[in-house]
């Protein structure tokens, strides 16, 4: 088993957000976390996206988030 760690944190602005897509919302948090950790997208090997409450019409949010944030292998 490998050791893993949370090395940076970030979050999007709270509230009803009709001004941004799911990718844009995720990028707000991802960018803050990467900056906090002093990392770049290329440094991330794996990522996990959770979707609680079914609030998103997007059936596969991890795909959208990964591509928009440059975390998917094909996006690098």
PDB file of N, CA and C in Angstrom:
ATOM      1  N   UNK A   1       0.838  -1.172   0.000  1.00  0.00           N
ATOM      2  CA  UNK A   1       0.000   0.000   0.000  1.00  0.00           C
ATOM      3  C   UNK A   1       0.893   1.249   0.000  1.00  0.00           C
ATOM      4  N   UNK A   2       0.504   2.236  -0.790  1.00  0.00           N
ATOM      5  CA  UNK A   2       1.274   3.477  -0.897  1.00  0.00           C
ATOM      6  C   UNK A   2       0.715   4.540   0.037  1.00  0.00           C
ATOM      7  N   UNK A   3       1.582   5.388   0.503  1.00  0.00           N
ATOM      8  CA  UNK A   3       1.151   6.525   1.306  1.00  0.00           C
ATOM      9  C   UNK A   3       0.640   7.621   0.392  1.00  0.00           C
ATOM     10  N   UNK A   4      -0.439   8.249   0.801  1.00  0.00           N
ATOM     11  CA  UNK A   4      -0.989   9.387   0.066  1.00  0.00           C
ATOM     12  C   UNK A   4      -1.235  10.517   1.053  1.00  0.00           C
ATOM     13  N   UNK A   5      -1.395  11.726   0.535  1.00  0.00           N
ATOM     14  CA  UNK A   5      -1.615  12.868   1.416  1.00  0.00           C
ATOM     15  C   UNK A   5      -2.392  13.956   0.702  1.00  0.00           C
ATOM     16  N   UNK A   6      -3.157  14.723   1.464  1.00  0.00           N
ATOM     17  CA  UNK A   6      -3.760  15.949   0.969  1.00  0.00           C
ATOM     18  C   UNK A   6      -2.715  17.033   1.196  1.00  0.00           C
ATOM     19  N   UNK A   7      -2.275  17.656   0.116  1.00  0.00           N
ATOM     20  CA  UNK A   7      -1.190  18.636   0.234  1.00  0.00           C
ATOM     21  C   UNK A   7      -1.631  20.057  -0.078  1.00  0.00           C
ATOM     22  N   UNK A   8      -2.866  20.224  -0.495  1.00  0.00           N
ATOM     23  CA  UNK A   8      -3.385  21.557  -0.782  1.00  0.00           C
ATOM     24  C   UNK A   8      -4.896  21.542  -0.694  1.00  0.00           C
ATOM     25  N   UNK A   9      -5.467  22.693  -0.360  1.00  0.00           N
ATOM     26  CA  UNK A   9      -6.921  22.786  -0.265  1.00  0.00           C
ATOM     27  C   UNK A   9      -7.426  24.008  -1.034  1.00  0.00           C
ATOM     28  N   UNK A  10      -8.666  23.941  -1.446  1.00  0.00           N
ATOM     29  CA  UNK A  10      -9.291  25.065  -2.132  1.00  0.00           C
ATOM     30  C   UNK A  10     -10.792  24.848  -2.190  1.00  0.00           C
ATOM     31  N   UNK A  11     -11.540  25.899  -2.453  1.00  0.00           N
ATOM     32  CA  UNK A  11     -12.987  25.761  -2.608  1.00  0.00           C
ATOM     33  C   UNK A  11     -13.506  26.869  -3.516  1.00  0.00           C
ATOM     34  N   UNK A  12     -14.648  26.579  -4.121  1.00  0.00           N
ATOM     35  CA  UNK A  12     -15.322  27.567  -4.960  1.00  0.00           C
ATOM     36  C   UNK A  12     -16.149  28.479  -4.067  1.00  0.00           C
ATOM     37  N   UNK A  13     -16.514  29.634  -4.596  1.00  0.00           N
ATOM     38  CA  UNK A  13     -17.379  30.566  -3.873  1.00  0.00           C
ATOM     39  C   UNK A  13     -18.712  29.880  -3.578  1.00  0.00           C
ATOM     40  N   UNK A  14     -19.190  30.028  -2.350  1.00  0.00           N
ATOM     41  CA  UNK A  14     -20.439  29.404  -1.937  1.00  0.00           C
ATOM     42  C   UNK A  14     -21.647  30.190  -2.430  1.00  0.00           C
ATOM     43  N   UNK A  15     -22.779  29.493  -2.547  1.00  0.00           N
ATOM     44  CA  UNK A  15     -24.034  30.125  -2.901  1.00  0.00           C
ATOM     45  C   UNK A  15     -24.592  29.565  -4.195  1.00  0.00           C
ATOM     46  N   UNK A  16     -25.750  30.024  -4.545  1.00  0.00           N
ATOM     47  CA  UNK A  16     -26.364  29.614  -5.814  1.00  0.00           C
ATOM     48  C   UNK A  16     -25.541  30.206  -6.929  1.00  0.00           C
ATOM     49  N   UNK A  17     -25.017  29.352  -7.793  1.00  0.00           N
ATOM     50  CA  UNK A  17     -24.084  29.805  -8.827  1.00  0.00           C
ATOM     51  C   UNK A  17     -24.638  29.504 -10.215  1.00  0.00           C
ATOM     52  N   UNK A  18     -25.335  30.432 -10.789  1.00  0.00           N
ATOM     53  CA  UNK A  18     -25.817  30.281 -12.158  1.00  0.00           C
ATOM     54  C   UNK A  18     -24.846  30.927 -13.141  1.00  0.00           C
ATOM     55  N   UNK A  19     -23.751  31.483 -12.609  1.00  0.00           N
ATOM     56  CA  UNK A  19     -22.782  32.188 -13.436  1.00  0.00           C
ATOM     57  C   UNK A  19     -21.654  31.292 -13.939  1.00  0.00           C
ATOM     58  N   UNK A  20     -21.647  30.014 -13.531  1.00  0.00           N
ATOM     59  CA  UNK A  20     -20.520  29.147 -13.885  1.00  0.00           C
ATOM     60  C   UNK A  20     -20.990  27.730 -14.182  1.00  0.00           C
ATOM     61  N   UNK A  21     -20.259  27.060 -15.055  1.00  0.00           N
ATOM     62  CA  UNK A  21     -20.526  25.655 -15.356  1.00  0.00           C
ATOM     63  C   UNK A  21     -19.891  24.786 -14.273  1.00  0.00           C
ATOM     64  N   UNK A  22     -20.174  23.490 -14.301  1.00  0.00           N
ATOM     65  CA  UNK A  22     -19.590  22.586 -13.320  1.00  0.00           C
ATOM     66  C   UNK A  22     -18.054  22.569 -13.447  1.00  0.00           C
ATOM     67  N   UNK A  23     -17.549  22.659 -14.662  1.00  0.00           N
ATOM     68  CA  UNK A  23     -16.100  22.711 -14.861  1.00  0.00           C
ATOM     69  C   UNK A  23     -15.487  23.971 -14.284  1.00  0.00           C
ATOM     70  N   UNK A  24     -16.156  25.096 -14.495  1.00  0.00           N
ATOM     71  CA  UNK A  24     -15.660  26.373 -13.963  1.00  0.00           C
ATOM     72  C   UNK A  24     -15.693  26.389 -12.436  1.00  0.00           C
ATOM     73  N   UNK A  25     -16.748  25.837 -11.847  1.00  0.00           N
ATOM     74  CA  UNK A  25     -16.833  25.755 -10.392  1.00  0.00           C
ATOM     75  C   UNK A  25     -15.707  24.888  -9.836  1.00  0.00           C
ATOM     76  N   UNK A  26     -15.502  23.744 -10.466  1.00  0.00           N
ATOM     77  CA  UNK A  26     -14.430  22.850 -10.022  1.00  0.00           C
ATOM     78  C   UNK A  26     -13.072  23.520 -10.163  1.00  0.00           C
ATOM     79  N   UNK A  27     -12.847  24.236 -11.267  1.00  0.00           N
ATOM     80  CA  UNK A  27     -11.553  24.877 -11.485  1.00  0.00           C
ATOM     81  C   UNK A  27     -11.236  25.900 -10.395  1.00  0.00           C
ATOM     82  N   UNK A  28     -12.263  26.614  -9.904  1.00  0.00           N
ATOM     83  CA  UNK A  28     -12.033  27.558  -8.809  1.00  0.00           C
ATOM     84  C   UNK A  28     -11.378  26.842  -7.621  1.00  0.00           C
ATOM     85  N   UNK A  29     -11.905  25.680  -7.265  1.00  0.00           N
ATOM     86  CA  UNK A  29     -11.376  24.923  -6.125  1.00  0.00           C
ATOM     87  C   UNK A  29     -10.054  24.244  -6.457  1.00  0.00           C
ATOM     88  N   UNK A  30      -9.962  23.658  -7.630  1.00  0.00           N
ATOM     89  CA  UNK A  30      -8.737  22.952  -8.034  1.00  0.00           C
ATOM     90  C   UNK A  30      -7.565  23.922  -8.130  1.00  0.00           C
ATOM     91  N   UNK A  31      -7.781  25.072  -8.735  1.00  0.00           N
ATOM     92  CA  UNK A  31      -6.712  26.066  -8.886  1.00  0.00           C
ATOM     93  C   UNK A  31      -6.190  26.507  -7.521  1.00  0.00           C
ATOM     94  N   UNK A  32      -7.108  26.775  -6.578  1.00  0.00           N
ATOM     95  CA  UNK A  32      -6.693  27.158  -5.225  1.00  0.00           C
ATOM     96  C   UNK A  32      -5.891  26.048  -4.556  1.00  0.00           C
ATOM     97  N   UNK A  33      -6.350  24.808  -4.706  1.00  0.00           N
ATOM     98  CA  UNK A  33      -5.651  23.673  -4.079  1.00  0.00           C
ATOM     99  C   UNK A  33      -4.265  23.469  -4.687  1.00  0.00           C
ATOM    100  N   UNK A  34      -4.165  23.589  -6.010  1.00  0.00           N
ATOM    101  CA  UNK A  34      -2.857  23.450  -6.664  1.00  0.00           C
ATOM    102  C   UNK A  34      -1.903  24.560  -6.228  1.00  0.00           C
ATOM    103  N   UNK A  35      -2.399  25.780  -6.180  1.00  0.00           N
ATOM    104  CA  UNK A  35      -1.566  26.900  -5.739  1.00  0.00           C
ATOM    105  C   UNK A  35      -1.123  26.715  -4.289  1.00  0.00           C
ATOM    106  N   UNK A  36      -2.045  26.274  -3.433  1.00  0.00           N
ATOM    107  CA  UNK A  36      -1.741  26.058  -2.030  1.00  0.00           C
ATOM    108  C   UNK A  36      -0.642  25.002  -1.860  1.00  0.00           C
ATOM    109  N   UNK A  37      -0.686  23.964  -2.701  1.00  0.00           N
ATOM    110  CA  UNK A  37       0.286  22.874  -2.624  1.00  0.00           C
ATOM    111  C   UNK A  37       1.550  23.146  -3.440  1.00  0.00           C
ATOM    112  N   UNK A  38       1.537  24.242  -4.194  1.00  0.00           N
ATOM    113  CA  UNK A  38       2.644  24.569  -5.103  1.00  0.00           C
ATOM    114  C   UNK A  38       2.880  23.436  -6.110  1.00  0.00           C
ATOM    115  N   UNK A  39       1.765  22.980  -6.694  1.00  0.00           N
ATOM    116  CA  UNK A  39       1.805  21.921  -7.696  1.00  0.00           C
ATOM    117  C   UNK A  39       1.170  22.408  -8.984  1.00  0.00           C
ATOM    118  N   UNK A  40       1.354  21.635 -10.038  1.00  0.00           N
ATOM    119  CA  UNK A  40       0.764  21.893 -11.348  1.00  0.00           C
ATOM    120  C   UNK A  40      -0.086  20.682 -11.711  1.00  0.00           C
ATOM    121  N   UNK A  41      -0.957  20.819 -12.675  1.00  0.00           N
ATOM    122  CA  UNK A  41      -1.804  19.705 -13.085  1.00  0.00           C
ATOM    123  C   UNK A  41      -0.986  18.458 -13.416  1.00  0.00           C
ATOM    124  N   UNK A  42       0.160  18.627 -14.032  1.00  0.00           N
ATOM    125  CA  UNK A  42       0.973  17.470 -14.434  1.00  0.00           C
ATOM    126  C   UNK A  42       1.478  16.668 -13.239  1.00  0.00           C
ATOM    127  N   UNK A  43       1.464  17.256 -12.055  1.00  0.00           N
ATOM    128  CA  UNK A  43       1.923  16.573 -10.848  1.00  0.00           C
ATOM    129  C   UNK A  43       0.867  15.638 -10.258  1.00  0.00           C
ATOM    130  N   UNK A  44      -0.366  15.741 -10.715  1.00  0.00           N
ATOM    131  CA  UNK A  44      -1.465  14.945 -10.171  1.00  0.00           C
ATOM    132  C   UNK A  44      -1.572  13.632 -10.935  1.00  0.00           C
ATOM    133  N   UNK A  45      -1.473  12.516 -10.199  1.00  0.00           N
ATOM    134  CA  UNK A  45      -1.575  11.202 -10.829  1.00  0.00           C
ATOM    135  C   UNK A  45      -3.015  10.712 -10.895  1.00  0.00           C
ATOM    136  N   UNK A  46      -3.777  10.963  -9.839  1.00  0.00           N
ATOM    137  CA  UNK A  46      -5.161  10.509  -9.756  1.00  0.00           C
ATOM    138  C   UNK A  46      -6.003  11.607  -9.114  1.00  0.00           C
ATOM    139  N   UNK A  47      -7.273  11.631  -9.460  1.00  0.00           N
ATOM    140  CA  UNK A  47      -8.193  12.566  -8.805  1.00  0.00           C
ATOM    141  C   UNK A  47      -9.549  11.887  -8.657  1.00  0.00           C
ATOM    142  N   UNK A  48     -10.319  12.354  -7.690  1.00  0.00           N
ATOM    143  CA  UNK A  48     -11.637  11.799  -7.412  1.00  0.00           C
ATOM    144  C   UNK A  48     -12.638  12.946  -7.406  1.00  0.00           C
ATOM    145  N   UNK A  49     -13.782  12.725  -8.015  1.00  0.00           N
ATOM    146  CA  UNK A  49     -14.855  13.716  -8.019  1.00  0.00           C
ATOM    147  C   UNK A  49     -16.069  13.085  -7.358  1.00  0.00           C
ATOM    148  N   UNK A  50     -16.614  13.771  -6.363  1.00  0.00           N
ATOM    149  CA  UNK A  50     -17.833  13.318  -5.708  1.00  0.00           C
ATOM    150  C   UNK A  50     -18.984  14.236  -6.069  1.00  0.00           C
ATOM    151  N   UNK A  51     -20.177  13.680  -6.122  1.00  0.00           N
ATOM    152  CA  UNK A  51     -21.366  14.452  -6.462  1.00  0.00           C
ATOM    153  C   UNK A  51     -22.473  14.040  -5.494  1.00  0.00           C
ATOM    154  N   UNK A  52     -22.708  14.851  -4.488  1.00  0.00           N
ATOM    155  CA  UNK A  52     -23.710  14.519  -3.472  1.00  0.00           C
ATOM    156  C   UNK A  52     -25.047  15.165  -3.789  1.00  0.00           C
ATOM    157  N   UNK A  53     -26.090  14.430  -3.599  1.00  0.00           N
ATOM    158  CA  UNK A  53     -27.429  14.992  -3.713  1.00  0.00           C
ATOM    159  C   UNK A  53     -27.990  15.038  -5.119  1.00  0.00           C
ATOM    160  N   UNK A  54     -27.238  14.625  -6.108  1.00  0.00           N
ATOM    161  CA  UNK A  54     -27.743  14.609  -7.467  1.00  0.00           C
ATOM    162  C   UNK A  54     -28.114  15.972  -8.015  1.00  0.00           C
ATOM    163  N   UNK A  55     -27.471  17.032  -7.536  1.00  0.00           N
ATOM    164  CA  UNK A  55     -27.808  18.394  -7.959  1.00  0.00           C
ATOM    165  C   UNK A  55     -27.371  18.703  -9.374  1.00  0.00           C
ATOM    166  N   UNK A  56     -26.487  17.882  -9.927  1.00  0.00           N
ATOM    167  CA  UNK A  56     -25.960  18.168 -11.258  1.00  0.00           C
ATOM    168  C   UNK A  56     -26.688  17.359 -12.324  1.00  0.00           C
ATOM    169  N   UNK A  57     -26.970  17.989 -13.430  1.00  0.00           N
ATOM    170  CA  UNK A  57     -27.555  17.283 -14.559  1.00  0.00           C
ATOM    171  C   UNK A  57     -26.487  16.478 -15.301  1.00  0.00           C
ATOM    172  N   UNK A  58     -25.229  16.718 -14.983  1.00  0.00           N
ATOM    173  CA  UNK A  58     -24.116  16.017 -15.618  1.00  0.00           C
ATOM    174  C   UNK A  58     -24.034  14.602 -15.055  1.00  0.00           C
ATOM    175  N   UNK A  59     -24.174  13.596 -15.930  1.00  0.00           N
ATOM    176  CA  UNK A  59     -24.170  12.206 -15.460  1.00  0.00           C
ATOM    177  C   UNK A  59     -22.768  11.705 -15.107  1.00  0.00           C
ATOM    178  N   UNK A  60     -21.735  12.273 -15.708  1.00  0.00           N
ATOM    179  CA  UNK A  60     -20.349  11.879 -15.428  1.00  0.00           C
ATOM    180  C   UNK A  60     -19.519  13.113 -15.106  1.00  0.00           C
ATOM    181  N   UNK A  61     -19.717  13.707 -13.929  1.00  0.00           N
ATOM    182  CA  UNK A  61     -19.016  14.951 -13.611  1.00  0.00           C
ATOM    183  C   UNK A  61     -17.494  14.807 -13.590  1.00  0.00           C
ATOM    184  N   UNK A  62     -16.972  13.638 -13.257  1.00  0.00           N
ATOM    185  CA  UNK A  62     -15.515  13.463 -13.211  1.00  0.00           C
ATOM    186  C   UNK A  62     -14.882  13.691 -14.582  1.00  0.00           C
ATOM    187  N   UNK A  63     -15.562  13.300 -15.634  1.00  0.00           N
ATOM    188  CA  UNK A  63     -15.034  13.494 -16.990  1.00  0.00           C
ATOM    189  C   UNK A  63     -14.951  14.985 -17.313  1.00  0.00           C
ATOM    190  N   UNK A  64     -16.035  15.695 -17.056  1.00  0.00           N
ATOM    191  CA  UNK A  64     -16.087  17.136 -17.328  1.00  0.00           C
ATOM    192  C   UNK A  64     -15.048  17.872 -16.491  1.00  0.00           C
ATOM    193  N   UNK A  65     -15.003  17.575 -15.200  1.00  0.00           N
ATOM    194  CA  UNK A  65     -14.070  18.244 -14.291  1.00  0.00           C
ATOM    195  C   UNK A  65     -12.629  17.940 -14.682  1.00  0.00           C
ATOM    196  N   UNK A  66     -12.329  16.675 -14.935  1.00  0.00           N
ATOM    197  CA  UNK A  66     -10.966  16.292 -15.306  1.00  0.00           C
ATOM    198  C   UNK A  66     -10.476  16.976 -16.564  1.00  0.00           C
ATOM    199  N   UNK A  67     -11.320  17.008 -17.577  1.00  0.00           N
ATOM    200  CA  UNK A  67     -10.934  17.648 -18.837  1.00  0.00           C
ATOM    201  C   UNK A  67     -10.805  19.160 -18.672  1.00  0.00           C
ATOM    202  N   UNK A  68     -11.787  19.795 -18.021  1.00  0.00           N
ATOM    203  CA  UNK A  68     -11.760  21.247 -17.872  1.00  0.00           C
ATOM    204  C   UNK A  68     -10.558  21.707 -17.046  1.00  0.00           C
ATOM    205  N   UNK A  69     -10.245  20.948 -16.008  1.00  0.00           N
ATOM    206  CA  UNK A  69      -9.159  21.334 -15.096  1.00  0.00           C
ATOM    207  C   UNK A  69      -7.787  20.837 -15.539  1.00  0.00           C
ATOM    208  N   UNK A  70      -7.739  20.137 -16.661  1.00  0.00           N
ATOM    209  CA  UNK A  70      -6.460  19.646 -17.164  1.00  0.00           C
ATOM    210  C   UNK A  70      -5.880  18.513 -16.332  1.00  0.00           C
ATOM    211  N   UNK A  71      -6.738  17.721 -15.712  1.00  0.00           N
ATOM    212  CA  UNK A  71      -6.284  16.615 -14.878  1.00  0.00           C
ATOM    213  C   UNK A  71      -6.350  15.270 -15.577  1.00  0.00           C
ATOM    214  N   UNK A  72      -7.151  15.166 -16.632  1.00  0.00           N
ATOM    215  CA  UNK A  72      -7.251  13.914 -17.371  1.00  0.00           C
ATOM    216  C   UNK A  72      -6.003  13.708 -18.207  1.00  0.00           C
ATOM    217  N   UNK A  73      -5.524  12.461 -18.310  1.00  0.00           N
ATOM    218  CA  UNK A  73      -4.307  12.207 -19.090  1.00  0.00           C
ATOM    219  C   UNK A  73      -4.359  12.783 -20.510  1.00  0.00           C
ATOM    220  N   UNK A  74      -5.506  12.717 -21.171  1.00  0.00           N
ATOM    221  CA  UNK A  74      -5.636  13.247 -22.522  1.00  0.00           C
ATOM    222  C   UNK A  74      -5.599  14.755 -22.591  1.00  0.00           C
ATOM    223  N   UNK A  75      -5.869  15.414 -21.467  1.00  0.00           N
ATOM    224  CA  UNK A  75      -5.900  16.881 -21.434  1.00  0.00           C
ATOM    225  C   UNK A  75      -4.536  17.498 -21.181  1.00  0.00           C
ATOM    226  N   UNK A  76      -3.554  16.657 -20.879  1.00  0.00           N
ATOM    227  CA  UNK A  76      -2.210  17.174 -20.548  1.00  0.00           C
ATOM    228  C   UNK A  76      -1.329  17.297 -21.747  1.00  0.00           C
TER     229      UNK A  76
END
